[in-house]
Amino acid sequence: MSVTNVQLDPLADPLAHRPSGTLWRDTLRNIVRQRNARVGLLILGTLLFCAIFADVIAADDPNKVLFDQGAKRLAGPCIHLLGCPAASSEHLFGIDANGRDEFARVVFGARISLQVGFLTVGFAIIIGSLLGLVAGYAGGWIESAIMRVMDVLLVFPALLLAIAIVSALGPGLINAQLAIGIVAIPVYARIMRASVLTVRESDYITASRALGESPAGLVFRRILPNSLTPIIVSGTLGIAGAVLDVAALSFLGLGAQPPTAEWGSMVGQDRGFVFTAPHLVFFPGVALALTVFGFNLLGDGLRDALDPRLNR
């Protein structure tokens, strides 16, 4: 009986010796193994379910005034174990200062917050990654020009720069997302550049270049796929920051405008009732905190799952 020795090429691309399906299965298995990732996925899965099925979960329109249904302004939440006030017997989180169902507004707010997080960070990752990829691969004066612009943007505090951009563009949810996205671009550009600088010196990149691989092939087939792990982890953590930043702009009146059901805007509009009707601040605040907590846990889990030093 003969035994065939299989030797792997030490210069081979680390992503090329296994089928993509196996890579995806191994990655998902590593992610599910992480307790932080499981808890984060559970929280975010619940929020995503609420966002998708908000029309089914919430019986009332989030912007509908319910005075014609006997609703009482600032009525407290309905807690079944303690009994429900007559004015809020059909409204789980109570009634806000304008006579709208607070539960419906919190549930529909999940749509806006998740949309804000994914769109804002997606925009920042696409632009920042392209800039970092070009800077890291090209080097020379191109790298210096791109990174000096990024350094200038990083000089300013992120939220203050976002406020300045929104003030110039005008208040609104779209402008707030654009401002937060622009502010986040330098972060992802620097991460991608650092990753590209490491990957481009690898042996398999040298071998591919010696075998006549085109510059475009080197960048998009070899360097980019092997440089995405830090971006994926940072992007997941960055979604939490983007949700908080847009909520802060909405709290200041520069983001979502009334009557849009956005958690930061809801807290900002009802902060004057924090002692007389604390439920108006409590429920959107808890929803915002859970969203940020979920993305942070998922980001920590992804970092541990994608770190080869921890996957033994």
C-alpha atoms as a PDB file:
ATOM      1  CA  MET A   1       0.000   0.000   0.000  1.00  0.00           C
ATOM      2  CA  SER A   2       1.488   3.294  -1.073  1.00  0.00           C
ATOM      3  CA  VAL A   3       1.043   6.592   0.644  1.00  0.00           C
ATOM      4  CA  THR A   4       0.952   9.759  -1.413  1.00  0.00           C
ATOM      5  CA  ASN A   5       2.509  12.791   0.222  1.00  0.00           C
ATOM      6  CA  VAL A   6       0.657  16.006  -0.479  1.00  0.00           C
ATOM      7  CA  GLN A   7       2.716  19.166  -0.104  1.00  0.00           C
ATOM      8  CA  LEU A   8       1.176  22.588  -0.044  1.00  0.00           C
ATOM      9  CA  ASP A   9       2.870  25.399  -1.896  1.00  0.00           C
ATOM     10  CA  PRO A  10       4.200  27.815   0.755  1.00  0.00           C
ATOM     11  CA  LEU A  11       3.701  30.677  -1.694  1.00  0.00           C
ATOM     12  CA  ALA A  12       0.043  29.897  -2.312  1.00  0.00           C
ATOM     13  CA  ASP A  13      -2.711  32.323  -1.492  1.00  0.00           C
ATOM     14  CA  PRO A  14      -4.132  31.297   1.945  1.00  0.00           C
ATOM     15  CA  LEU A  15      -7.660  31.699   0.575  1.00  0.00           C
ATOM     16  CA  ALA A  16      -7.055  29.638  -2.542  1.00  0.00           C
ATOM     17  CA  HIS A  17      -6.327  26.110  -1.229  1.00  0.00           C
ATOM     18  CA  ARG A  18      -9.830  25.497   0.124  1.00  0.00           C
ATOM     19  CA  PRO A  19     -13.243  25.793  -1.557  1.00  0.00           C
ATOM     20  CA  SER A  20     -15.122  28.974  -0.789  1.00  0.00           C
ATOM     21  CA  GLY A  21     -18.002  26.951   0.681  1.00  0.00           C
ATOM     22  CA  THR A  22     -15.641  25.385   3.224  1.00  0.00           C
ATOM     23  CA  LEU A  23     -14.238  28.780   4.137  1.00  0.00           C
ATOM     24  CA  TRP A  24     -17.723  30.180   4.721  1.00  0.00           C
ATOM     25  CA  ARG A  25     -18.748  27.152   6.811  1.00  0.00           C
ATOM     26  CA  ASP A  26     -15.602  27.361   8.928  1.00  0.00           C
ATOM     27  CA  THR A  27     -16.081  31.087   9.449  1.00  0.00           C
ATOM     28  CA  LEU A  28     -19.730  30.706  10.462  1.00  0.00           C
ATOM     29  CA  ARG A  29     -18.805  27.839  12.783  1.00  0.00           C
ATOM     30  CA  ASN A  30     -16.166  29.992  14.478  1.00  0.00           C
ATOM     31  CA  ILE A  31     -18.627  32.860  14.850  1.00  0.00           C
ATOM     32  CA  VAL A  32     -21.365  30.688  16.366  1.00  0.00           C
ATOM     33  CA  ARG A  33     -18.785  29.268  18.788  1.00  0.00           C
ATOM     34  CA  GLN A  34     -18.303  32.714  20.344  1.00  0.00           C
ATOM     35  CA  ARG A  35     -20.714  33.461  23.180  1.00  0.00           C
ATOM     36  CA  ASN A  36     -20.563  37.211  22.574  1.00  0.00           C
ATOM     37  CA  ALA A  37     -21.468  36.717  18.931  1.00  0.00           C
ATOM     38  CA  ARG A  38     -24.411  34.455  19.820  1.00  0.00           C
ATOM     39  CA  VAL A  39     -25.859  36.968  22.260  1.00  0.00           C
ATOM     40  CA  GLY A  40     -25.295  39.830  19.819  1.00  0.00           C
ATOM     41  CA  LEU A  41     -26.972  37.891  17.003  1.00  0.00           C
ATOM     42  CA  LEU A  42     -29.935  37.137  19.272  1.00  0.00           C
ATOM     43  CA  ILE A  43     -30.399  40.806  20.166  1.00  0.00           C
ATOM     44  CA  LEU A  44     -29.938  42.028  16.610  1.00  0.00           C
ATOM     45  CA  GLY A  45     -32.126  39.245  15.230  1.00  0.00           C
ATOM     46  CA  THR A  46     -34.942  40.357  17.532  1.00  0.00           C
ATOM     47  CA  LEU A  47     -34.520  43.984  16.456  1.00  0.00           C
ATOM     48  CA  LEU A  48     -34.411  42.960  12.796  1.00  0.00           C
ATOM     49  CA  PHE A  49     -37.615  40.938  13.256  1.00  0.00           C
ATOM     50  CA  CYS A  50     -39.297  43.995  14.834  1.00  0.00           C
ATOM     51  CA  ALA A  51     -38.093  46.206  11.984  1.00  0.00           C
ATOM     52  CA  ILE A  52     -39.330  43.866   9.243  1.00  0.00           C
ATOM     53  CA  PHE A  53     -42.686  43.082  10.840  1.00  0.00           C
ATOM     54  CA  ALA A  54     -43.316  46.449  12.513  1.00  0.00           C
ATOM     55  CA  ASP A  55     -46.652  46.817  10.709  1.00  0.00           C
ATOM     56  CA  VAL A  56     -47.820  43.515  12.211  1.00  0.00           C
ATOM     57  CA  ILE A  57     -46.336  43.923  15.698  1.00  0.00           C
ATOM     58  CA  ALA A  58     -47.625  47.467  16.254  1.00  0.00           C
ATOM     59  CA  ALA A  59     -51.388  47.843  15.987  1.00  0.00           C
ATOM     60  CA  ASP A  60     -51.295  51.647  15.630  1.00  0.00           C
ATOM     61  CA  ASP A  61     -49.659  53.997  13.174  1.00  0.00           C
ATOM     62  CA  PRO A  62     -46.604  55.585  14.880  1.00  0.00           C
ATOM     63  CA  ASN A  63     -47.659  59.076  13.756  1.00  0.00           C
ATOM     64  CA  LYS A  64     -51.396  58.771  14.436  1.00  0.00           C
ATOM     65  CA  VAL A  65     -52.874  60.960  17.187  1.00  0.00           C
ATOM     66  CA  LEU A  66     -55.133  58.818  19.364  1.00  0.00           C
ATOM     67  CA  PHE A  67     -57.154  61.420  21.237  1.00  0.00           C
ATOM     68  CA  ASP A  68     -60.238  60.398  19.263  1.00  0.00           C
ATOM     69  CA  GLN A  69     -59.907  56.891  20.769  1.00  0.00           C
ATOM     70  CA  GLY A  70     -60.032  58.120  24.345  1.00  0.00           C
ATOM     71  CA  ALA A  71     -56.272  58.143  24.766  1.00  0.00           C
ATOM     72  CA  LYS A  72     -54.918  60.356  27.522  1.00  0.00           C
ATOM     73  CA  ARG A  73     -51.878  62.547  26.988  1.00  0.00           C
ATOM     74  CA  LEU A  74     -48.775  61.180  28.779  1.00  0.00           C
ATOM     75  CA  ALA A  75     -50.653  58.052  29.943  1.00  0.00           C
ATOM     76  CA  GLY A  76     -48.285  55.562  31.538  1.00  0.00           C
ATOM     77  CA  PRO A  77     -47.313  52.141  30.194  1.00  0.00           C
ATOM     78  CA  CYS A  78     -49.534  49.093  30.518  1.00  0.00           C
ATOM     79  CA  ILE A  79     -47.891  46.580  32.862  1.00  0.00           C
ATOM     80  CA  HIS A  80     -50.192  43.576  33.048  1.00  0.00           C
ATOM     81  CA  LEU A  81     -48.757  42.260  36.278  1.00  0.00           C
ATOM     82  CA  LEU A  82     -49.546  45.534  38.033  1.00  0.00           C
ATOM     83  CA  GLY A  83     -52.705  46.410  36.159  1.00  0.00           C
ATOM     84  CA  CYS A  84     -53.260  48.840  33.298  1.00  0.00           C
ATOM     85  CA  PRO A  85     -54.570  52.383  33.562  1.00  0.00           C
ATOM     86  CA  ALA A  86     -57.834  52.683  31.675  1.00  0.00           C
ATOM     87  CA  ALA A  87     -56.344  55.292  29.335  1.00  0.00           C
ATOM     88  CA  SER A  88     -53.508  52.978  28.240  1.00  0.00           C
ATOM     89  CA  SER A  89     -55.138  49.546  28.386  1.00  0.00           C
ATOM     90  CA  GLU A  90     -54.355  48.994  24.692  1.00  0.00           C
ATOM     91  CA  HIS A  91     -50.999  50.781  24.627  1.00  0.00           C
ATOM     92  CA  LEU A  92     -48.136  48.721  26.055  1.00  0.00           C
ATOM     93  CA  PHE A  93     -45.637  51.584  26.415  1.00  0.00           C
ATOM     94  CA  GLY A  94     -48.189  54.309  27.088  1.00  0.00           C
ATOM     95  CA  ILE A  95     -49.011  57.500  25.197  1.00  0.00           C
ATOM     96  CA  ASP A  96     -46.557  60.273  24.331  1.00  0.00           C
ATOM     97  CA  ALA A  97     -47.025  64.019  24.742  1.00  0.00           C
ATOM     98  CA  ASN A  98     -48.707  64.300  21.344  1.00  0.00           C
ATOM     99  CA  GLY A  99     -51.161  61.465  21.916  1.00  0.00           C
ATOM    100  CA  ARG A 100     -49.318  58.832  19.873  1.00  0.00           C
ATOM    101  CA  ASP A 101     -48.720  55.198  20.796  1.00  0.00           C
ATOM    102  CA  GLU A 102     -45.222  54.919  22.271  1.00  0.00           C
ATOM    103  CA  PHE A 103     -44.900  51.196  21.560  1.00  0.00           C
ATOM    104  CA  ALA A 104     -45.588  51.719  17.854  1.00  0.00           C
ATOM    105  CA  ARG A 105     -43.036  54.516  17.689  1.00  0.00           C
ATOM    106  CA  VAL A 106     -40.337  52.432  19.414  1.00  0.00           C
ATOM    107  CA  VAL A 107     -40.979  49.433  17.135  1.00  0.00           C
ATOM    108  CA  PHE A 108     -40.944  51.510  13.945  1.00  0.00           C
ATOM    109  CA  GLY A 109     -37.833  53.282  15.243  1.00  0.00           C
ATOM    110  CA  ALA A 110     -35.948  49.982  14.844  1.00  0.00           C
ATOM    111  CA  ARG A 111     -36.331  50.314  11.066  1.00  0.00           C
ATOM    112  CA  ILE A 112     -34.739  53.729  11.000  1.00  0.00           C
ATOM    113  CA  SER A 113     -31.903  52.913  13.392  1.00  0.00           C
ATOM    114  CA  LEU A 114     -30.884  49.719  11.568  1.00  0.00           C
ATOM    115  CA  GLN A 115     -31.151  51.493   8.231  1.00  0.00           C
ATOM    116  CA  VAL A 116     -29.031  54.339   9.554  1.00  0.00           C
ATOM    117  CA  GLY A 117     -26.353  51.973  10.849  1.00  0.00           C
ATOM    118  CA  PHE A 118     -26.006  49.816   7.744  1.00  0.00           C
ATOM    119  CA  LEU A 119     -26.249  52.588   5.145  1.00  0.00           C
ATOM    120  CA  THR A 120     -23.923  54.964   6.980  1.00  0.00           C
ATOM    121  CA  VAL A 121     -21.203  52.417   7.685  1.00  0.00           C
ATOM    122  CA  GLY A 122     -21.631  50.815   4.248  1.00  0.00           C
ATOM    123  CA  PHE A 123     -20.994  54.168   2.582  1.00  0.00           C
ATOM    124  CA  ALA A 124     -17.968  54.852   4.809  1.00  0.00           C
ATOM    125  CA  ILE A 125     -16.516  51.356   4.258  1.00  0.00           C
ATOM    126  CA  ILE A 126     -16.842  51.484   0.461  1.00  0.00           C
ATOM    127  CA  ILE A 127     -15.223  54.910   0.105  1.00  0.00           C
ATOM    128  CA  GLY A 128     -12.674  54.427   2.887  1.00  0.00           C
ATOM    129  CA  SER A 129     -11.642  50.945   1.724  1.00  0.00           C
ATOM    130  CA  LEU A 130     -11.099  52.091  -1.851  1.00  0.00           C
ATOM    131  CA  LEU A 131      -8.990  55.030  -0.688  1.00  0.00           C
ATOM    132  CA  GLY A 132      -6.977  52.839   1.700  1.00  0.00           C
ATOM    133  CA  LEU A 133      -6.521  50.166  -0.981  1.00  0.00           C
ATOM    134  CA  VAL A 134      -5.182  52.673  -3.505  1.00  0.00           C
ATOM    135  CA  ALA A 135      -2.952  54.340  -0.917  1.00  0.00           C
ATOM    136  CA  GLY A 136      -1.529  51.075   0.391  1.00  0.00           C
ATOM    137  CA  TYR A 137      -0.848  49.535  -3.015  1.00  0.00           C
ATOM    138  CA  ALA A 138       0.300  52.603  -4.968  1.00  0.00           C
ATOM    139  CA  GLY A 139       2.516  54.185  -2.320  1.00  0.00           C
ATOM    140  CA  GLY A 140       4.565  57.289  -3.115  1.00  0.00           C
ATOM    141  CA  TRP A 141       2.924  60.667  -3.547  1.00  0.00           C
ATOM    142  CA  ILE A 142      -0.508  59.103  -4.101  1.00  0.00           C
ATOM    143  CA  GLU A 143      -0.379  57.503  -0.668  1.00  0.00           C
ATOM    144  CA  SER A 144       0.880  60.718   0.915  1.00  0.00           C
ATOM    145  CA  ALA A 145      -1.851  62.835  -0.686  1.00  0.00           C
ATOM    146  CA  ILE A 146      -4.689  60.492   0.316  1.00  0.00           C
ATOM    147  CA  MET A 147      -3.506  59.909   3.868  1.00  0.00           C
ATOM    148  CA  ARG A 148      -2.797  63.589   4.550  1.00  0.00           C
ATOM    149  CA  VAL A 149      -6.396  64.409   3.639  1.00  0.00           C
ATOM    150  CA  MET A 150      -7.534  61.621   5.983  1.00  0.00           C
ATOM    151  CA  ASP A 151      -5.309  63.022   8.734  1.00  0.00           C
ATOM    152  CA  VAL A 152      -6.863  66.467   8.327  1.00  0.00           C
ATOM    153  CA  LEU A 153     -10.360  64.991   8.741  1.00  0.00           C
ATOM    154  CA  LEU A 154      -9.234  63.087  11.837  1.00  0.00           C
ATOM    155  CA  VAL A 155      -8.008  66.297  13.481  1.00  0.00           C
ATOM    156  CA  PHE A 156     -11.579  67.403  14.175  1.00  0.00           C
ATOM    157  CA  PRO A 157     -13.768  65.695  16.804  1.00  0.00           C
ATOM    158  CA  ALA A 158     -16.103  63.371  14.899  1.00  0.00           C
ATOM    159  CA  LEU A 159     -19.405  64.638  16.300  1.00  0.00           C
ATOM    160  CA  LEU A 160     -18.442  68.317  15.963  1.00  0.00           C
ATOM    161  CA  LEU A 161     -17.395  67.771  12.346  1.00  0.00           C
ATOM    162  CA  ALA A 162     -20.684  65.958  11.688  1.00  0.00           C
ATOM    163  CA  ILE A 163     -22.614  68.853  13.242  1.00  0.00           C
ATOM    164  CA  ALA A 164     -20.736  71.304  11.010  1.00  0.00           C
ATOM    165  CA  ILE A 165     -21.515  69.232   7.890  1.00  0.00           C
ATOM    166  CA  VAL A 166     -25.210  68.898   8.768  1.00  0.00           C
ATOM    167  CA  SER A 167     -25.406  72.613   9.539  1.00  0.00           C
ATOM    168  CA  ALA A 168     -24.022  73.335   6.071  1.00  0.00           C
ATOM    169  CA  LEU A 169     -26.264  70.820   4.289  1.00  0.00           C
ATOM    170  CA  GLY A 170     -29.370  71.433   6.378  1.00  0.00           C
ATOM    171  CA  PRO A 171     -31.078  69.291   9.045  1.00  0.00           C
ATOM    172  CA  GLY A 172     -32.516  65.956   8.019  1.00  0.00           C
ATOM    173  CA  LEU A 173     -31.964  62.226   8.432  1.00  0.00           C
ATOM    174  CA  ILE A 174     -30.283  61.751   5.043  1.00  0.00           C
ATOM    175  CA  ASN A 175     -27.882  64.644   5.634  1.00  0.00           C
ATOM    176  CA  ALA A 176     -27.117  63.291   9.111  1.00  0.00           C
ATOM    177  CA  GLN A 177     -26.262  59.881   7.666  1.00  0.00           C
ATOM    178  CA  LEU A 178     -24.087  61.481   4.999  1.00  0.00           C
ATOM    179  CA  ALA A 179     -22.263  63.558   7.615  1.00  0.00           C
ATOM    180  CA  ILE A 180     -21.555  60.574   9.880  1.00  0.00           C
ATOM    181  CA  GLY A 181     -20.444  58.550   6.852  1.00  0.00           C
ATOM    182  CA  ILE A 182     -18.001  61.250   5.750  1.00  0.00           C
ATOM    183  CA  VAL A 183     -16.589  61.518   9.262  1.00  0.00           C
ATOM    184  CA  ALA A 184     -16.031  57.725   9.423  1.00  0.00           C
ATOM    185  CA  ILE A 185     -14.225  57.430   6.048  1.00  0.00           C
ATOM    186  CA  PRO A 186     -10.705  58.183   7.423  1.00  0.00           C
ATOM    187  CA  VAL A 187     -11.027  55.407  10.021  1.00  0.00           C
ATOM    188  CA  TYR A 188     -11.667  52.702   7.424  1.00  0.00           C
ATOM    189  CA  ALA A 189      -9.115  54.170   5.014  1.00  0.00           C
ATOM    190  CA  ARG A 190      -6.372  53.882   7.630  1.00  0.00           C
ATOM    191  CA  ILE A 191      -7.411  50.338   8.596  1.00  0.00           C
ATOM    192  CA  MET A 192      -7.454  49.183   4.971  1.00  0.00           C
ATOM    193  CA  ARG A 193      -4.109  50.845   4.181  1.00  0.00           C
ATOM    194  CA  ALA A 194      -2.434  49.141   7.159  1.00  0.00           C
ATOM    195  CA  SER A 195      -3.875  45.774   6.142  1.00  0.00           C
ATOM    196  CA  VAL A 196      -2.804  46.217   2.502  1.00  0.00           C
ATOM    197  CA  LEU A 197       0.735  47.159   3.530  1.00  0.00           C
ATOM    198  CA  THR A 198       0.980  43.876   5.435  1.00  0.00           C
ATOM    199  CA  VAL A 199      -0.606  41.675   2.770  1.00  0.00           C
ATOM    200  CA  ARG A 200       1.296  43.056  -0.217  1.00  0.00           C
ATOM    201  CA  GLU A 201       4.621  41.895   1.272  1.00  0.00           C
ATOM    202  CA  SER A 202       3.411  38.296   1.567  1.00  0.00           C
ATOM    203  CA  ASP A 203       5.163  35.533  -0.357  1.00  0.00           C
ATOM    204  CA  TYR A 204       2.101  34.583  -2.382  1.00  0.00           C
ATOM    205  CA  ILE A 205       1.778  38.193  -3.629  1.00  0.00           C
ATOM    206  CA  THR A 206       5.431  38.141  -4.695  1.00  0.00           C
ATOM    207  CA  ALA A 207       4.892  34.806  -6.443  1.00  0.00           C
ATOM    208  CA  SER A 208       1.751  36.054  -8.221  1.00  0.00           C
ATOM    209  CA  ARG A 209       3.611  39.141  -9.406  1.00  0.00           C
ATOM    210  CA  ALA A 210       6.511  37.011 -10.679  1.00  0.00           C
ATOM    211  CA  LEU A 211       4.058  34.798 -12.586  1.00  0.00           C
ATOM    212  CA  GLY A 212       2.756  37.822 -14.473  1.00  0.00           C
ATOM    213  CA  GLU A 213      -0.428  38.653 -12.539  1.00  0.00           C
ATOM    214  CA  SER A 214      -1.771  42.029 -13.646  1.00  0.00           C
ATOM    215  CA  PRO A 215      -1.924  44.906 -11.126  1.00  0.00           C
ATOM    216  CA  ALA A 216      -5.732  44.758 -11.161  1.00  0.00           C
ATOM    217  CA  GLY A 217      -5.611  41.009 -10.498  1.00  0.00           C
ATOM    218  CA  LEU A 218      -3.165  41.476  -7.642  1.00  0.00           C
ATOM    219  CA  VAL A 219      -5.330  44.152  -6.046  1.00  0.00           C
ATOM    220  CA  PHE A 220      -8.796  42.658  -6.445  1.00  0.00           C
ATOM    221  CA  ARG A 221      -8.065  38.901  -6.478  1.00  0.00           C
ATOM    222  CA  ARG A 222      -5.202  38.652  -3.997  1.00  0.00           C
ATOM    223  CA  ILE A 223      -4.760  41.711  -1.814  1.00  0.00           C
ATOM    224  CA  LEU A 224      -8.346  42.885  -1.261  1.00  0.00           C
ATOM    225  CA  PRO A 225      -9.888  39.532  -0.157  1.00  0.00           C
ATOM    226  CA  ASN A 226      -7.041  38.984   2.317  1.00  0.00           C
ATOM    227  CA  SER A 227      -7.359  42.509   3.737  1.00  0.00           C
ATOM    228  CA  LEU A 228     -11.065  42.503   4.564  1.00  0.00           C
ATOM    229  CA  THR A 229     -11.043  40.877   8.013  1.00  0.00           C
ATOM    230  CA  PRO A 230     -10.117  44.033   9.996  1.00  0.00           C
ATOM    231  CA  ILE A 231     -12.652  46.045   7.970  1.00  0.00           C
ATOM    232  CA  ILE A 232     -15.460  43.576   8.699  1.00  0.00           C
ATOM    233  CA  VAL A 233     -14.779  43.659  12.441  1.00  0.00           C
ATOM    234  CA  SER A 234     -14.355  47.451  12.568  1.00  0.00           C
ATOM    235  CA  GLY A 235     -17.452  47.940  10.431  1.00  0.00           C
ATOM    236  CA  THR A 236     -19.587  45.855  12.784  1.00  0.00           C
ATOM    237  CA  LEU A 237     -18.381  47.874  15.751  1.00  0.00           C
ATOM    238  CA  GLY A 238     -18.740  51.067  13.702  1.00  0.00           C
ATOM    239  CA  ILE A 239     -22.455  50.461  13.120  1.00  0.00           C
ATOM    240  CA  ALA A 240     -23.039  50.914  16.850  1.00  0.00           C
ATOM    241  CA  GLY A 241     -21.163  54.212  16.777  1.00  0.00           C
ATOM    242  CA  ALA A 242     -23.072  55.388  13.700  1.00  0.00           C
ATOM    243  CA  VAL A 243     -26.432  54.625  15.329  1.00  0.00           C
ATOM    244  CA  LEU A 244     -25.377  56.588  18.415  1.00  0.00           C
ATOM    245  CA  ASP A 245     -24.024  59.531  16.420  1.00  0.00           C
ATOM    246  CA  VAL A 246     -27.144  59.877  14.263  1.00  0.00           C
ATOM    247  CA  ALA A 247     -29.269  59.589  17.427  1.00  0.00           C
ATOM    248  CA  ALA A 248     -27.193  62.381  18.956  1.00  0.00           C
ATOM    249  CA  LEU A 249     -27.756  64.586  15.896  1.00  0.00           C
ATOM    250  CA  SER A 250     -31.481  63.812  16.040  1.00  0.00           C
ATOM    251  CA  PHE A 251     -31.478  64.641  19.757  1.00  0.00           C
ATOM    252  CA  LEU A 252     -30.050  68.061  18.843  1.00  0.00           C
ATOM    253  CA  GLY A 253     -32.684  68.548  16.130  1.00  0.00           C
ATOM    254  CA  LEU A 254     -30.241  68.084  13.240  1.00  0.00           C
ATOM    255  CA  GLY A 255     -31.152  64.519  12.278  1.00  0.00           C
ATOM    256  CA  ALA A 256     -34.597  62.967  11.938  1.00  0.00           C
ATOM    257  CA  GLN A 257     -37.300  65.610  11.924  1.00  0.00           C
ATOM    258  CA  PRO A 258     -40.745  65.295  13.550  1.00  0.00           C
ATOM    259  CA  PRO A 259     -42.913  63.295  13.302  1.00  0.00           C
ATOM    260  CA  THR A 260     -40.372  60.616  12.252  1.00  0.00           C
ATOM    261  CA  ALA A 261     -40.173  57.833  14.854  1.00  0.00           C
ATOM    262  CA  GLU A 262     -36.413  57.832  15.502  1.00  0.00           C
ATOM    263  CA  TRP A 263     -35.145  56.945  18.968  1.00  0.00           C
ATOM    264  CA  GLY A 264     -32.755  59.882  19.397  1.00  0.00           C
ATOM    265  CA  SER A 265     -35.383  62.316  18.187  1.00  0.00           C
ATOM    266  CA  MET A 266     -37.966  60.782  20.544  1.00  0.00           C
ATOM    267  CA  VAL A 267     -35.658  61.203  23.539  1.00  0.00           C
ATOM    268  CA  GLY A 268     -34.866  64.782  22.502  1.00  0.00           C
ATOM    269  CA  GLN A 269     -38.511  65.778  22.051  1.00  0.00           C
ATOM    270  CA  ASP A 270     -39.687  64.260  25.346  1.00  0.00           C
ATOM    271  CA  ARG A 271     -36.702  64.986  27.586  1.00  0.00           C
ATOM    272  CA  GLY A 272     -38.735  67.690  29.336  1.00  0.00           C
ATOM    273  CA  PHE A 273     -41.063  64.978  30.692  1.00  0.00           C
ATOM    274  CA  VAL A 274     -38.301  62.827  32.199  1.00  0.00           C
ATOM    275  CA  PHE A 275     -39.711  63.304  35.733  1.00  0.00           C
ATOM    276  CA  THR A 276     -43.425  63.443  34.974  1.00  0.00           C
ATOM    277  CA  ALA A 277     -43.521  60.727  32.244  1.00  0.00           C
ATOM    278  CA  PRO A 278     -40.183  58.884  32.355  1.00  0.00           C
ATOM    279  CA  HIS A 279     -41.472  56.094  30.106  1.00  0.00           C
ATOM    280  CA  LEU A 280     -41.228  58.453  27.110  1.00  0.00           C
ATOM    281  CA  VAL A 281     -37.438  58.590  27.532  1.00  0.00           C
ATOM    282  CA  PHE A 282     -36.901  55.151  29.032  1.00  0.00           C
ATOM    283  CA  PHE A 283     -38.224  52.914  26.244  1.00  0.00           C
ATOM    284  CA  PRO A 284     -36.480  54.551  23.252  1.00  0.00           C
ATOM    285  CA  GLY A 285     -33.339  54.890  25.361  1.00  0.00           C
ATOM    286  CA  VAL A 286     -33.365  51.173  26.223  1.00  0.00           C
ATOM    287  CA  ALA A 287     -33.974  50.268  22.563  1.00  0.00           C
ATOM    288  CA  LEU A 288     -31.011  52.413  21.524  1.00  0.00           C
ATOM    289  CA  ALA A 289     -28.792  50.902  24.221  1.00  0.00           C
ATOM    290  CA  LEU A 290     -29.756  47.339  23.229  1.00  0.00           C
ATOM    291  CA  THR A 291     -28.959  48.053  19.580  1.00  0.00           C
ATOM    292  CA  VAL A 292     -25.504  49.412  20.409  1.00  0.00           C
ATOM    293  CA  PHE A 293     -24.907  46.565  22.872  1.00  0.00           C
ATOM    294  CA  GLY A 294     -25.864  43.961  20.275  1.00  0.00           C
ATOM    295  CA  PHE A 295     -23.526  45.342  17.608  1.00  0.00           C
ATOM    296  CA  ASN A 296     -20.672  45.637  20.115  1.00  0.00           C
ATOM    297  CA  LEU A 297     -21.112  42.015  21.205  1.00  0.00           C
ATOM    298  CA  LEU A 298     -21.285  40.845  17.587  1.00  0.00           C
ATOM    299  CA  GLY A 299     -18.166  42.855  16.733  1.00  0.00           C
ATOM    300  CA  ASP A 300     -16.252  41.333  19.646  1.00  0.00           C
ATOM    301  CA  GLY A 301     -17.374  37.866  18.601  1.00  0.00           C
ATOM    302  CA  LEU A 302     -16.330  38.444  14.995  1.00  0.00           C
ATOM    303  CA  ARG A 303     -12.929  39.697  16.093  1.00  0.00           C
ATOM    304  CA  ASP A 304     -12.357  36.547  18.147  1.00  0.00           C
ATOM    305  CA  ALA A 305     -13.753  34.246  15.459  1.00  0.00           C
ATOM    306  CA  LEU A 306     -11.692  35.733  12.620  1.00  0.00           C
ATOM    307  CA  ASP A 307      -8.434  35.894  14.579  1.00  0.00           C
ATOM    308  CA  PRO A 308      -6.392  32.855  13.438  1.00  0.00           C
ATOM    309  CA  ARG A 309      -4.370  32.927  16.642  1.00  0.00           C
ATOM    310  CA  LEU A 310      -7.516  32.086  18.634  1.00  0.00           C
ATOM    311  CA  ASN A 311      -8.840  29.367  16.288  1.00  0.00           C
ATOM    312  CA  ARG A 312      -6.801  26.337  17.199  1.00  0.00           C
END
